[in-house]
Amino acid sequence: MVNEWAGARVLVVGLARSGAAVARLLLRHGAQVTITDRRRAEELGKEANELARMGARLVVGGHPESLFDQPWDEVVKNPGVPYSAHPVAEAIRRGIPVVTELEVAWRIRPENWLGITGTNGKTTTTSWVGHMLEVAGVPHRVAGNIGVPLCDVVEAIDSEEWLVAELSSFQLQGTLRFRPHIGAILNIYPAHLDYHGGLEAYAAAKKNMFVNQGPEDYAVLNGGRKDEHQLMAGVRARPARFGGPRRPGVPGMAVEGDRVLWWDGFRAEPVCAVGDVALPGEHNLENFLAAGTLAVLAGASLSAVATSGRTFRGVEHRMEFVRQWQGVTFYNDSKATNPEAAFRALGAFPKNVIWIAGGLDRGDDYRRLLPLLQEGRVKTVLTMGQSGPRIAALAQEVGIPVRRVADVEEAVRIAVSLARGGDVVLLSPGAASWDQYRSFEERGRMFKEAVNKL
């Protein structure tokens, strides 16, 4: 394969983890790399020094106008850097291609990509696909938005191995030629609208998963959602689906009665009983169907999928069982950073839930949760953060007691004082963490620490 990066003049905007990974990869492929970051040199640490030793030029402490005194062949932006940032906006104005790490990684190693995106369920589904392929003995590597930069792994795996990649809308928006052999959009709900500028633009970024696919590829969608037809419009790849009724010629995994079935497009085969899927909640059953569909398309056997359904233990901060204490069960779902994710978590429990909710207020519509609150599943709501008052008002509307707490530690103390044997204490904030915590991971860890001190 021709090395298209040899001698290419590339500006990397934003160091961070994926920025450093893409810079290292491009330098190894002979590119002339300049890295610009708003942080000062002393804030960037050893990684910046290592890149400088490899030959990168660093422009730190801001993005000066002089960056564009020289021509660039391509600009690679860190996914979190907004398109309004000066070097990105200026590159677009000048007609210079602006991409993300995903595009670079794919162009260096385009074989056997299995991409997974969606508003909710990405990490669990991606991890579950990896687990299924592991059980099946199918060579693979899991990377991407799950915490492993794609550019750190593309050179380390054979072309025959599957690269199972969790992909965010931020990553997908910055693609031009990216083409996974198997691509999946799990679901789309309002999220990151401040970054994308609206739901339509957010959905368009997600749909970049399918844009370059051809008839020999697979586009996998949620058969239980109304937007399936809209997302498939103009897609040239072969359709596959999880959930929903069978369709002739369209393979996928779905539930019929109390059984999970694989449908190859013409014939159904049993996979397992619904009750065999270890992770709780309808949303995790949906994640299992999605992961199973993707894993089978990648070569896993149905028996491996069934075994994985029984043995996969989930992902930290996503409906994570913490412990049982005096008959009370604690779950950490700190990754529930939007109302839809909280809705799915609450739906996993029929009654006796003490719900810890609230966080950064991004104007989300919490009325989506009203039907579940009216069903009597939640006995008490403990609210925190900026969005807490809006969640409290909704709970009070249906007569559910509400207590305001300062943070997750106080929430655990109050929950313990209210809980009785058989109750569930569920941290599922339905909001981002940044009003009080550096990340949803920090919020979840602090919750678990408080629970484990009981």
Protein backbone atom coordinates (compact mmCIF):
# COMPACT_ATOMS: atom_id res chain seq x y z
CA MET A 1 0.00 0.00 0.00
CA VAL A 2 1.25 3.48 -0.89
CA ASN A 3 2.18 5.60 2.14
CA GLU A 4 0.10 8.72 1.50
CA TRP A 5 1.45 10.44 4.61
CA ALA A 6 5.16 10.48 3.68
CA GLY A 7 6.14 14.14 3.47
CA ALA A 8 2.59 15.35 4.14
CA ARG A 9 2.33 18.62 6.08
CA VAL A 10 -0.13 17.93 8.90
CA LEU A 11 -1.36 20.25 11.65
CA VAL A 12 -2.66 18.42 14.74
CA VAL A 13 -5.01 20.60 16.81
CA GLY A 14 -5.22 19.58 20.47
CA LEU A 15 -2.76 17.15 21.99
CA ALA A 16 -4.72 15.14 24.58
CA ARG A 17 -4.67 11.36 24.26
CA SER A 18 -5.88 10.81 20.71
CA GLY A 19 -3.94 13.85 19.47
CA ALA A 20 -0.71 12.39 20.79
CA ALA A 21 -1.55 8.98 19.29
CA VAL A 22 -2.24 10.38 15.82
CA ALA A 23 0.89 12.55 15.94
CA ARG A 24 3.07 9.54 16.81
CA LEU A 25 1.54 7.48 14.01
CA LEU A 26 1.94 10.23 11.41
CA LEU A 27 5.55 10.84 12.42
CA ARG A 28 6.29 7.13 12.03
CA HIS A 29 4.83 7.34 8.52
CA GLY A 30 7.06 10.24 7.56
CA ALA A 31 4.67 13.17 7.89
CA GLN A 32 5.83 16.67 8.82
CA VAL A 33 3.78 17.21 11.98
CA THR A 34 3.05 20.42 13.84
CA ILE A 35 1.01 20.22 17.05
CA THR A 36 -0.85 23.22 18.42
CA ASP A 37 -2.43 23.31 21.87
CA ARG A 38 -3.80 26.11 24.06
CA ARG A 39 -1.98 24.73 27.09
CA ARG A 40 1.52 25.82 28.01
CA ALA A 41 4.51 23.52 27.54
CA GLU A 42 4.79 22.76 31.27
CA GLU A 43 1.15 21.63 31.32
CA LEU A 44 1.65 19.14 28.48
CA GLY A 45 4.31 17.07 30.25
CA LYS A 46 6.45 14.21 29.01
CA GLU A 47 4.28 13.30 26.03
CA ALA A 48 4.97 16.63 24.34
CA ASN A 49 8.71 16.21 24.93
CA GLU A 50 8.60 12.72 23.43
CA LEU A 51 6.81 14.00 20.32
CA ALA A 52 9.33 16.81 19.95
CA ARG A 53 12.16 14.25 20.09
CA MET A 54 10.38 12.29 17.35
CA GLY A 55 10.45 15.39 15.16
CA ALA A 56 7.16 17.17 15.83
CA ARG A 57 7.05 20.96 15.98
CA LEU A 58 5.07 22.24 18.97
CA VAL A 59 3.14 25.51 19.02
CA VAL A 60 1.78 25.85 22.55
CA GLY A 61 0.07 28.40 24.76
CA GLY A 62 -2.49 29.27 22.08
CA HIS A 63 -3.21 29.11 18.36
CA PRO A 64 -1.40 32.06 16.73
CA GLU A 65 -2.34 33.48 13.32
CA SER A 66 1.15 32.55 12.13
CA LEU A 67 0.14 28.88 12.06
CA PHE A 68 -1.14 29.50 8.56
CA ASP A 69 2.01 31.21 7.30
CA GLN A 70 2.78 27.81 5.78
CA PRO A 71 0.48 25.54 3.74
CA TRP A 72 -1.09 22.43 5.24
CA ASP A 73 -2.13 19.27 3.40
CA GLU A 74 -4.44 18.19 6.21
CA VAL A 75 -5.59 19.29 9.65
CA VAL A 76 -6.30 16.60 12.27
CA LYS A 77 -8.34 17.86 15.19
CA ASN A 78 -8.85 16.24 18.55
CA PRO A 79 -12.52 15.13 18.69
CA GLY A 80 -13.24 17.44 21.62
CA VAL A 81 -11.96 20.56 19.84
CA PRO A 82 -14.94 22.51 18.44
CA TYR A 83 -15.11 23.43 14.77
CA SER A 84 -15.26 27.06 15.88
CA ALA A 85 -11.69 26.88 17.27
CA HIS A 86 -9.47 29.26 15.30
CA PRO A 87 -7.14 26.79 13.53
CA VAL A 88 -10.05 24.50 12.60
CA ALA A 89 -12.29 27.30 11.35
CA GLU A 90 -9.41 28.85 9.41
CA ALA A 91 -8.54 25.52 7.78
CA ILE A 92 -12.15 25.07 6.67
CA ARG A 93 -12.20 28.63 5.31
CA ARG A 94 -9.09 27.87 3.26
CA GLY A 95 -10.47 24.56 1.96
CA ILE A 96 -7.97 22.41 3.85
CA PRO A 97 -9.37 18.95 4.78
CA VAL A 98 -10.16 18.69 8.50
CA VAL A 99 -10.36 15.15 9.90
CA THR A 100 -10.17 13.27 13.20
CA GLU A 101 -7.93 10.44 14.39
CA LEU A 102 -10.50 7.94 13.10
CA GLU A 103 -9.94 8.96 9.48
CA VAL A 104 -6.16 8.71 9.80
CA ALA A 105 -6.31 5.29 11.50
CA TRP A 106 -8.66 3.91 8.85
CA ARG A 107 -6.55 5.19 5.94
CA ILE A 108 -3.47 3.49 7.37
CA ARG A 109 -5.26 0.20 8.05
CA PRO A 110 -8.66 -0.02 6.25
CA GLU A 111 -9.29 -3.77 6.53
CA ASN A 112 -11.90 -5.46 8.75
CA TRP A 113 -13.34 -2.53 10.68
CA LEU A 114 -16.44 -3.10 12.79
CA GLY A 115 -17.71 0.31 13.90
CA ILE A 116 -20.31 0.94 16.60
CA THR A 117 -21.97 4.25 17.42
CA GLY A 118 -25.16 5.49 19.06
CA THR A 119 -26.25 7.84 21.80
CA ASN A 120 -26.61 5.12 24.44
CA GLY A 121 -25.16 1.64 24.77
CA LYS A 122 -21.99 2.10 22.70
CA THR A 123 -19.45 0.99 25.27
CA THR A 124 -21.46 -1.95 26.58
CA THR A 125 -22.20 -3.19 23.06
CA THR A 126 -18.61 -2.71 21.90
CA SER A 127 -17.25 -4.55 24.93
CA TRP A 128 -19.84 -7.32 24.49
CA VAL A 129 -18.89 -7.80 20.82
CA GLY A 130 -15.27 -8.14 21.94
CA HIS A 131 -16.28 -10.69 24.57
CA MET A 132 -18.31 -12.70 22.05
CA LEU A 133 -15.45 -12.76 19.55
CA GLU A 134 -13.08 -13.79 22.36
CA VAL A 135 -15.35 -16.71 23.30
CA ALA A 136 -15.63 -17.65 19.61
CA GLY A 137 -11.87 -17.51 19.03
CA VAL A 138 -12.20 -14.83 16.35
CA PRO A 139 -9.07 -12.60 16.25
CA HIS A 140 -9.93 -9.01 17.11
CA ARG A 141 -8.91 -5.85 18.96
CA VAL A 142 -11.25 -3.42 20.77
CA ALA A 143 -10.39 0.29 20.59
CA GLY A 144 -11.69 3.79 19.92
CA ASN A 145 -13.90 5.90 22.16
CA ILE A 146 -13.76 3.08 24.71
CA GLY A 147 -10.41 4.44 25.99
CA VAL A 148 -7.81 3.06 23.57
CA PRO A 149 -6.82 5.47 20.76
CA LEU A 150 -7.29 3.90 17.34
CA CYS A 151 -3.92 5.19 16.17
CA ASP A 152 -2.23 3.27 18.98
CA VAL A 153 -3.46 -0.10 17.67
CA VAL A 154 -3.78 0.02 13.86
CA GLU A 155 -0.14 -0.90 13.27
CA ALA A 156 -0.16 -3.66 15.87
CA ILE A 157 -2.88 -5.87 14.38
CA ASP A 158 -3.00 -8.10 11.32
CA SER A 159 -5.25 -7.22 8.40
CA GLU A 160 -7.27 -10.40 9.11
CA GLU A 161 -8.13 -9.30 12.65
CA TRP A 162 -11.30 -7.37 13.35
CA LEU A 163 -10.87 -3.87 14.72
CA VAL A 164 -13.97 -3.42 16.89
CA ALA A 165 -14.22 0.34 17.27
CA GLU A 166 -16.51 2.37 19.52
CA LEU A 167 -17.04 5.64 17.66
CA SER A 168 -18.49 8.93 18.85
CA SER A 169 -20.29 11.54 16.78
CA PHE A 170 -17.27 13.81 17.35
CA GLN A 171 -14.99 11.25 15.69
CA LEU A 172 -17.39 10.42 12.87
CA GLN A 173 -18.03 14.03 11.92
CA GLY A 174 -14.36 14.36 10.97
CA THR A 175 -14.30 11.60 8.34
CA LEU A 176 -13.99 11.76 4.56
CA ARG A 177 -13.24 8.24 3.31
CA PHE A 178 -13.87 6.11 6.42
CA ARG A 179 -15.61 2.87 5.43
CA PRO A 180 -16.16 0.07 7.96
CA HIS A 181 -16.99 -3.38 6.62
CA ILE A 182 -19.61 -3.64 9.37
CA GLY A 183 -21.10 -0.47 10.82
CA ALA A 184 -23.86 -0.06 13.40
CA ILE A 185 -25.94 2.85 14.67
CA LEU A 186 -27.60 1.62 17.88
CA ASN A 187 -29.92 4.59 18.49
CA ILE A 188 -30.09 8.36 18.22
CA TYR A 189 -31.44 10.63 20.94
CA PRO A 190 -30.80 14.35 21.52
CA ALA A 191 -27.21 14.72 22.80
CA HIS A 192 -24.20 16.96 22.21
CA LEU A 193 -26.49 19.45 20.48
CA ASP A 194 -24.33 22.36 21.65
CA TYR A 195 -21.37 20.85 19.76
CA HIS A 196 -23.22 19.82 16.60
CA GLY A 197 -25.69 22.68 16.44
CA GLY A 198 -28.85 20.57 16.43
CA LEU A 199 -30.29 17.06 16.24
CA GLU A 200 -30.19 16.90 12.44
CA ALA A 201 -26.46 17.66 12.35
CA TYR A 202 -25.83 15.20 15.20
CA ALA A 203 -27.67 12.44 13.29
CA ALA A 204 -25.77 13.31 10.10
CA ALA A 205 -22.47 12.87 11.96
CA LYS A 206 -23.60 9.44 13.17
CA LYS A 207 -24.67 8.49 9.64
CA ASN A 208 -21.11 9.02 8.41
CA MET A 209 -20.77 5.41 9.58
CA PHE A 210 -22.60 4.35 6.39
CA VAL A 211 -21.80 7.08 3.85
CA ASN A 212 -18.87 5.36 2.10
CA GLN A 213 -20.02 1.75 2.46
CA GLY A 214 -20.65 -0.40 -0.59
CA PRO A 215 -22.86 -3.43 -1.40
CA GLU A 216 -20.37 -5.87 0.17
CA ASP A 217 -20.54 -4.10 3.55
CA TYR A 218 -23.17 -4.28 6.32
CA ALA A 219 -25.17 -1.38 7.78
CA VAL A 220 -26.73 -2.52 11.06
CA LEU A 221 -29.67 -0.67 12.61
CA ASN A 222 -32.13 -1.01 15.46
CA GLY A 223 -35.24 -2.68 14.03
CA GLY A 224 -37.29 -1.52 16.99
CA ARG A 225 -36.90 2.19 16.23
CA LYS A 226 -39.03 4.40 14.01
CA ASP A 227 -36.02 6.14 12.46
CA GLU A 228 -34.68 2.92 10.89
CA HIS A 229 -35.96 3.76 7.39
CA GLN A 230 -34.73 7.34 7.60
CA LEU A 231 -31.23 6.24 8.59
CA MET A 232 -31.12 3.67 5.76
CA ALA A 233 -32.08 6.23 3.11
CA GLY A 234 -29.34 6.38 0.49
CA VAL A 235 -27.26 3.64 2.13
CA ARG A 236 -25.69 1.21 -0.36
CA ALA A 237 -24.57 -1.42 2.15
CA ARG A 238 -26.47 -4.62 2.87
CA PRO A 239 -28.96 -4.06 5.70
CA ALA A 240 -28.90 -6.02 8.95
CA ARG A 241 -30.94 -5.30 12.06
CA PHE A 242 -31.36 -6.23 15.70
CA GLY A 243 -34.74 -6.28 17.39
CA GLY A 244 -38.04 -5.76 15.63
CA PRO A 245 -39.89 -8.27 13.43
CA ARG A 246 -38.10 -10.49 10.92
CA ARG A 247 -37.61 -9.22 7.39
CA PRO A 248 -36.97 -11.53 4.43
CA GLY A 249 -33.36 -11.31 3.32
CA VAL A 250 -32.29 -9.09 6.24
CA PRO A 251 -30.23 -10.94 8.88
CA GLY A 252 -30.22 -10.13 12.56
CA MET A 253 -31.02 -11.15 16.12
CA ALA A 254 -34.35 -10.58 17.81
CA VAL A 255 -36.63 -11.75 20.61
CA GLU A 256 -39.67 -13.90 19.97
CA GLY A 257 -41.58 -14.84 23.11
CA ASP A 258 -39.02 -15.85 25.70
CA ARG A 259 -36.35 -16.82 23.17
CA VAL A 260 -33.56 -15.00 21.39
CA LEU A 261 -33.37 -16.07 17.74
CA TRP A 262 -30.87 -15.55 14.93
CA TRP A 263 -32.52 -14.91 11.58
CA ASP A 264 -30.17 -15.33 8.60
CA GLY A 265 -32.69 -13.66 6.32
CA PHE A 266 -34.51 -16.88 5.44
CA ARG A 267 -34.33 -19.24 8.42
CA ALA A 268 -34.50 -18.81 12.21
CA GLU A 269 -32.21 -20.55 14.70
CA PRO A 270 -32.46 -20.44 18.52
CA VAL A 271 -29.67 -18.68 20.40
CA CYS A 272 -30.71 -18.74 24.06
CA ALA A 273 -33.53 -17.95 26.44
CA VAL A 274 -34.11 -14.29 27.26
CA GLY A 275 -33.59 -15.19 30.93
CA ASP A 276 -30.07 -16.44 30.15
CA VAL A 277 -28.84 -12.90 29.44
CA ALA A 278 -27.02 -11.96 32.64
CA LEU A 279 -27.15 -8.15 32.55
CA PRO A 280 -30.41 -6.64 33.86
CA GLY A 281 -32.82 -4.41 31.97
CA GLU A 282 -34.52 -4.20 28.59
CA HIS A 283 -31.75 -1.91 27.37
CA ASN A 284 -29.14 -4.56 28.09
CA LEU A 285 -31.21 -7.14 26.25
CA GLU A 286 -31.17 -4.71 23.32
CA ASN A 287 -27.40 -4.34 23.70
CA PHE A 288 -27.10 -8.13 23.63
CA LEU A 289 -29.13 -8.36 20.41
CA ALA A 290 -26.97 -5.67 18.81
CA ALA A 291 -23.71 -7.27 19.94
CA GLY A 292 -24.90 -10.72 18.88
CA THR A 293 -25.86 -9.51 15.42
CA LEU A 294 -22.49 -7.82 14.93
CA ALA A 295 -20.50 -10.74 16.32
CA VAL A 296 -22.23 -13.29 14.06
CA LEU A 297 -21.63 -11.08 11.01
CA ALA A 298 -17.95 -11.04 12.05
CA GLY A 299 -17.79 -14.84 12.26
CA ALA A 300 -18.84 -15.79 15.81
CA SER A 301 -20.91 -18.93 16.33
CA LEU A 302 -24.36 -18.81 17.91
CA SER A 303 -23.10 -20.96 20.78
CA ALA A 304 -20.36 -18.41 21.51
CA VAL A 305 -22.96 -15.63 21.53
CA ALA A 306 -25.12 -17.61 23.97
CA THR A 307 -22.15 -18.32 26.25
CA SER A 308 -21.21 -14.64 26.25
CA GLY A 309 -24.77 -13.70 27.16
CA ARG A 310 -24.45 -15.77 30.33
CA THR A 311 -20.90 -14.77 31.25
CA PHE A 312 -20.42 -11.11 30.25
CA ARG A 313 -20.37 -8.99 33.40
CA GLY A 314 -20.80 -5.53 31.90
CA VAL A 315 -18.75 -2.34 31.95
CA GLU A 316 -17.83 -0.04 34.82
CA HIS A 317 -20.30 2.82 35.44
CA ARG A 318 -22.96 1.24 33.22
CA MET A 319 -25.61 -0.50 35.32
CA GLU A 320 -22.70 -1.81 37.35
CA PHE A 321 -23.60 -3.93 40.37
CA VAL A 322 -21.66 -2.48 43.31
CA ARG A 323 -22.73 -4.56 46.29
CA GLN A 324 -25.60 -5.76 48.44
CA TRP A 325 -25.72 -4.40 51.98
CA GLN A 326 -28.32 -5.50 54.54
CA GLY A 327 -30.64 -6.58 51.72
CA VAL A 328 -30.25 -3.31 49.78
CA THR A 329 -28.69 -3.53 46.29
CA PHE A 330 -26.56 -0.68 44.91
CA TYR A 331 -26.04 0.01 41.20
CA ASN A 332 -23.66 2.52 39.62
CA ASP A 333 -25.00 3.86 36.32
CA SER A 334 -23.00 7.10 36.33
CA LYS A 335 -22.62 6.88 32.53
CA ALA A 336 -26.34 7.74 32.24
CA THR A 337 -25.63 11.30 31.12
CA ASN A 338 -28.97 11.99 29.42
CA PRO A 339 -32.65 11.37 30.27
CA GLU A 340 -33.01 8.45 27.85
CA ALA A 341 -30.18 6.55 29.56
CA ALA A 342 -31.81 7.11 32.96
CA PHE A 343 -35.15 5.96 31.52
CA ARG A 344 -33.54 2.69 30.42
CA ALA A 345 -31.93 2.14 33.81
CA LEU A 346 -35.12 2.81 35.78
CA GLY A 347 -36.98 0.46 33.45
CA ALA A 348 -34.80 -2.42 34.65
CA PHE A 349 -36.41 -2.41 38.11
CA PRO A 350 -40.14 -2.92 38.75
CA LYS A 351 -40.32 -1.28 42.19
CA ASN A 352 -38.59 -0.01 45.35
CA VAL A 353 -35.98 2.18 43.66
CA ILE A 354 -34.23 5.01 45.49
CA TRP A 355 -33.07 7.04 42.51
CA ILE A 356 -30.06 9.39 42.70
CA ALA A 357 -30.39 11.88 39.85
CA GLY A 358 -29.16 15.21 38.53
CA GLY A 359 -26.05 16.91 37.26
CA LEU A 360 -25.11 19.46 34.63
CA ASP A 361 -28.21 21.18 33.25
CA ARG A 362 -28.08 21.16 29.45
CA GLY A 363 -31.79 21.84 29.02
CA ASP A 364 -32.70 18.17 28.52
CA ASP A 365 -36.38 17.20 28.54
CA TYR A 366 -36.96 15.03 31.61
CA ARG A 367 -40.67 14.54 30.92
CA ARG A 368 -39.62 11.44 29.00
CA LEU A 369 -39.30 9.86 32.47
CA LEU A 370 -42.83 10.67 33.60
CA PRO A 371 -44.45 7.33 32.56
CA LEU A 372 -41.94 5.34 34.62
CA LEU A 373 -42.37 7.62 37.62
CA GLN A 374 -46.15 7.20 37.39
CA GLU A 375 -45.80 3.39 37.46
CA GLY A 376 -44.61 3.38 41.07
CA ARG A 377 -41.14 2.02 40.38
CA VAL A 378 -39.43 4.84 42.30
CA LYS A 379 -40.08 5.27 46.04
CA THR A 380 -37.78 8.27 46.61
CA VAL A 381 -35.70 10.61 44.45
CA LEU A 382 -32.46 12.11 45.74
CA THR A 383 -31.52 15.06 43.54
CA MET A 384 -28.20 16.84 43.12
CA GLY A 385 -26.51 19.20 40.71
CA GLN A 386 -27.87 21.90 38.43
CA SER A 387 -30.64 19.80 36.90
CA GLY A 388 -31.78 18.47 40.28
CA PRO A 389 -34.60 21.00 40.77
CA ARG A 390 -36.19 20.14 37.42
CA ILE A 391 -36.08 16.42 38.20
CA ALA A 392 -37.47 17.13 41.68
CA ALA A 393 -40.41 19.06 40.22
CA LEU A 394 -41.23 16.14 37.93
CA ALA A 395 -41.14 13.64 40.80
CA GLN A 396 -43.27 15.85 43.03
CA GLU A 397 -45.80 16.16 40.21
CA VAL A 398 -46.61 12.45 40.68
CA GLY A 399 -46.27 12.44 44.47
CA ILE A 400 -42.83 10.87 44.87
CA PRO A 401 -40.87 12.11 47.92
CA VAL A 402 -37.76 14.12 47.05
CA ARG A 403 -34.65 14.96 49.06
CA ARG A 404 -31.95 17.36 47.90
CA VAL A 405 -28.35 16.17 48.45
CA ALA A 406 -25.03 17.91 47.89
CA ASP A 407 -23.14 15.06 46.23
CA VAL A 408 -23.02 11.28 45.79
CA GLU A 409 -21.52 10.72 49.25
CA GLU A 410 -24.44 12.45 50.94
CA ALA A 411 -26.79 10.63 48.58
CA VAL A 412 -25.49 7.29 49.81
CA ARG A 413 -25.87 8.34 53.47
CA ILE A 414 -29.46 9.49 52.94
CA ALA A 415 -30.32 6.45 50.80
CA VAL A 416 -29.11 4.10 53.53
CA SER A 417 -31.28 5.86 56.11
CA LEU A 418 -34.35 5.43 53.87
CA ALA A 419 -33.77 1.98 52.39
CA ARG A 420 -35.30 -1.29 53.49
CA GLY A 421 -34.43 -4.86 52.54
CA GLY A 422 -35.28 -5.51 48.89
CA ASP A 423 -34.77 -1.88 47.83
CA VAL A 424 -32.48 -0.79 45.00
CA VAL A 425 -30.30 2.32 45.29
CA LEU A 426 -29.60 3.45 41.74
CA LEU A 427 -27.18 6.19 40.71
CA SER A 428 -28.42 7.03 37.21
CA PRO A 429 -28.09 10.81 36.99
CA GLY A 430 -29.62 11.45 33.57
CA ALA A 431 -27.16 14.33 33.26
CA ALA A 432 -23.49 15.02 32.61
CA SER A 433 -21.16 15.35 35.58
CA TRP A 434 -19.18 18.50 34.84
CA ASP A 435 -21.04 20.81 37.21
CA GLN A 436 -19.54 18.91 40.17
CA TYR A 437 -17.13 16.25 38.89
CA ARG A 438 -14.38 16.06 36.30
CA SER A 439 -16.03 13.11 34.58
CA PHE A 440 -18.79 10.54 34.91
CA GLU A 441 -16.03 8.10 35.88
CA GLU A 442 -15.04 10.23 38.88
CA ARG A 443 -18.69 10.55 39.91
CA GLY A 444 -19.16 6.78 39.67
CA ARG A 445 -15.96 5.99 41.56
CA MET A 446 -16.90 8.31 44.42
CA PHE A 447 -20.33 6.68 44.60
CA LYS A 448 -18.78 3.22 44.77
CA GLU A 449 -16.28 4.30 47.41
CA ALA A 450 -19.11 5.61 49.57
CA VAL A 451 -21.10 2.39 49.13
CA ASN A 452 -18.13 0.15 49.86
CA LYS A 453 -17.43 2.02 53.12
CA LEU A 454 -20.81 0.98 54.56
